[in-house]
Amino acid sequence: MLVNDVRVPIHRIKEKQYLFGTKKISAQIINKKLMIRVGGGFMSISEFCQLNADKEVEKLKTLMARDKKKIEGVIADMLTKYKSARFQ
């Protein structure tokens, strides 16, 4: 997802769970469309991105500045956090 020349990275954590920027989301295919779990229902991926991409870009920029890391380092930290959390 590209927002203001910054891409919001999406990485798989495990089946049906992904990291969208810094946000952990649940996603699945419903009626041949990619849907994101939101509260008690679902939202299309395009609608979800429109609502959340700008916030995630800002969060990523903040983490990059705070930790003095490139985006790859910030994402690696987030993935480690979420992947190791399921084994605790």
C-alpha atoms as a PDB file:
ATOM      1  CA  MET A   1       0.000   0.000   0.000  1.00  0.00           C
ATOM      2  CA  LEU A   2       1.540   3.338  -1.055  1.00  0.00           C
ATOM      3  CA  VAL A   3       0.653   6.495   0.894  1.00  0.00           C
ATOM      4  CA  ASN A   4       2.432   9.801   0.308  1.00  0.00           C
ATOM      5  CA  ASP A   5       5.387   7.990  -1.319  1.00  0.00           C
ATOM      6  CA  VAL A   6       5.713   5.686   1.707  1.00  0.00           C
ATOM      7  CA  ARG A   7       4.678   2.063   1.471  1.00  0.00           C
ATOM      8  CA  VAL A   8       2.726   0.459   4.300  1.00  0.00           C
ATOM      9  CA  PRO A   9       4.317  -2.968   4.564  1.00  0.00           C
ATOM     10  CA  ILE A  10       2.100  -6.015   4.996  1.00  0.00           C
ATOM     11  CA  HIS A  11       3.690  -9.181   6.394  1.00  0.00           C
ATOM     12  CA  ARG A  12       2.241 -12.557   7.332  1.00  0.00           C
ATOM     13  CA  ILE A  13       2.487 -13.445  11.017  1.00  0.00           C
ATOM     14  CA  LYS A  14       0.617 -16.742  10.796  1.00  0.00           C
ATOM     15  CA  GLU A  15      -2.461 -18.123   9.077  1.00  0.00           C
ATOM     16  CA  LYS A  16      -5.048 -15.355   8.672  1.00  0.00           C
ATOM     17  CA  GLN A  17      -2.957 -12.898  10.736  1.00  0.00           C
ATOM     18  CA  TYR A  18      -0.874 -10.127   9.213  1.00  0.00           C
ATOM     19  CA  LEU A  19       1.093  -7.081  10.237  1.00  0.00           C
ATOM     20  CA  PHE A  20      -0.213  -3.981   8.431  1.00  0.00           C
ATOM     21  CA  GLY A  21       2.435  -1.386   9.228  1.00  0.00           C
ATOM     22  CA  THR A  22       2.469  -1.699  13.031  1.00  0.00           C
ATOM     23  CA  LYS A  23      -1.080  -3.025  13.359  1.00  0.00           C
ATOM     24  CA  LYS A  24      -1.883  -6.725  13.689  1.00  0.00           C
ATOM     25  CA  ILE A  25      -4.902  -7.613  11.560  1.00  0.00           C
ATOM     26  CA  SER A  26      -6.941 -10.696  10.721  1.00  0.00           C
ATOM     27  CA  ALA A  27      -7.664 -11.237   7.046  1.00  0.00           C
ATOM     28  CA  GLN A  28      -9.472 -13.841   5.013  1.00  0.00           C
ATOM     29  CA  ILE A  29     -11.072 -14.388   1.641  1.00  0.00           C
ATOM     30  CA  ILE A  30     -14.856 -14.125   1.721  1.00  0.00           C
ATOM     31  CA  ASN A  31     -16.814 -14.462  -1.532  1.00  0.00           C
ATOM     32  CA  LYS A  32     -13.556 -14.140  -3.505  1.00  0.00           C
ATOM     33  CA  LYS A  33     -12.690 -10.814  -1.824  1.00  0.00           C
ATOM     34  CA  LEU A  34      -9.977 -10.062   0.708  1.00  0.00           C
ATOM     35  CA  MET A  35     -11.685  -8.909   3.900  1.00  0.00           C
ATOM     36  CA  ILE A  36     -10.232  -7.549   7.148  1.00  0.00           C
ATOM     37  CA  ARG A  37     -11.772  -8.416  10.513  1.00  0.00           C
ATOM     38  CA  VAL A  38     -12.959  -5.241  12.235  1.00  0.00           C
ATOM     39  CA  GLY A  39     -14.830  -5.475  15.523  1.00  0.00           C
ATOM     40  CA  GLY A  40     -17.661  -7.939  15.019  1.00  0.00           C
ATOM     41  CA  GLY A  41     -17.640  -7.793  11.228  1.00  0.00           C
ATOM     42  CA  PHE A  42     -15.493  -7.396   8.146  1.00  0.00           C
ATOM     43  CA  MET A  43     -14.296  -4.568   5.914  1.00  0.00           C
ATOM     44  CA  SER A  44     -12.844  -4.713   2.412  1.00  0.00           C
ATOM     45  CA  ILE A  45      -9.078  -4.344   2.166  1.00  0.00           C
ATOM     46  CA  SER A  46      -9.426  -1.143   0.122  1.00  0.00           C
ATOM     47  CA  GLU A  47     -11.732   0.469   2.691  1.00  0.00           C
ATOM     48  CA  PHE A  48      -9.452  -0.671   5.525  1.00  0.00           C
ATOM     49  CA  CYS A  49      -6.411   0.831   3.794  1.00  0.00           C
ATOM     50  CA  GLN A  50      -8.192   4.132   3.175  1.00  0.00           C
ATOM     51  CA  LEU A  51      -9.040   4.400   6.873  1.00  0.00           C
ATOM     52  CA  ASN A  52      -5.741   3.168   8.348  1.00  0.00           C
ATOM     53  CA  ALA A  53      -2.827   3.695   5.954  1.00  0.00           C
ATOM     54  CA  ASP A  54      -2.066   7.328   6.865  1.00  0.00           C
ATOM     55  CA  LYS A  55      -2.010   6.499  10.591  1.00  0.00           C
ATOM     56  CA  GLU A  56       0.302   3.545  10.011  1.00  0.00           C
ATOM     57  CA  VAL A  57       2.712   5.616   7.928  1.00  0.00           C
ATOM     58  CA  GLU A  58       2.936   8.146  10.755  1.00  0.00           C
ATOM     59  CA  LYS A  59       3.468   5.401  13.348  1.00  0.00           C
ATOM     60  CA  LEU A  60       6.241   3.881  11.231  1.00  0.00           C
ATOM     61  CA  LYS A  61       7.943   7.254  10.767  1.00  0.00           C
ATOM     62  CA  THR A  62       7.772   7.875  14.525  1.00  0.00           C
ATOM     63  CA  LEU A  63       9.276   4.463  15.320  1.00  0.00           C
ATOM     64  CA  MET A  64      12.004   4.950  12.718  1.00  0.00           C
ATOM     65  CA  ALA A  65      12.985   8.308  14.220  1.00  0.00           C
ATOM     66  CA  ARG A  66      12.749   7.100  17.830  1.00  0.00           C
ATOM     67  CA  ASP A  67      14.730   3.901  17.279  1.00  0.00           C
ATOM     68  CA  LYS A  68      17.054   5.399  14.645  1.00  0.00           C
ATOM     69  CA  LYS A  69      16.323   2.488  12.328  1.00  0.00           C
ATOM     70  CA  LYS A  70      15.309   2.043   8.740  1.00  0.00           C
ATOM     71  CA  ILE A  71      11.864   0.684   8.005  1.00  0.00           C
ATOM     72  CA  GLU A  72      13.249  -2.846   7.618  1.00  0.00           C
ATOM     73  CA  GLY A  73      14.562  -2.785  11.184  1.00  0.00           C
ATOM     74  CA  VAL A  74      11.302  -1.463  12.613  1.00  0.00           C
ATOM     75  CA  ILE A  75       9.291  -4.130  10.779  1.00  0.00           C
ATOM     76  CA  ALA A  76      11.701  -6.873  11.874  1.00  0.00           C
ATOM     77  CA  ASP A  77      11.220  -5.768  15.495  1.00  0.00           C
ATOM     78  CA  MET A  78       7.421  -5.790  15.121  1.00  0.00           C
ATOM     79  CA  LEU A  79       7.412  -9.230  13.490  1.00  0.00           C
ATOM     80  CA  THR A  80       9.647 -10.617  16.231  1.00  0.00           C
ATOM     81  CA  LYS A  81       7.310  -9.174  18.850  1.00  0.00           C
ATOM     82  CA  TYR A  82       4.176 -10.709  17.342  1.00  0.00           C
ATOM     83  CA  LYS A  83       5.696 -14.030  16.361  1.00  0.00           C
ATOM     84  CA  SER A  84       7.286 -14.620  19.758  1.00  0.00           C
ATOM     85  CA  ALA A  85       4.145 -13.494  21.639  1.00  0.00           C
ATOM     86  CA  ARG A  86       2.212 -16.554  20.520  1.00  0.00           C
ATOM     87  CA  PHE A  87       4.721 -18.891  22.208  1.00  0.00           C
ATOM     88  CA  GLN A  88       4.537 -17.238  25.630  1.00  0.00           C
END
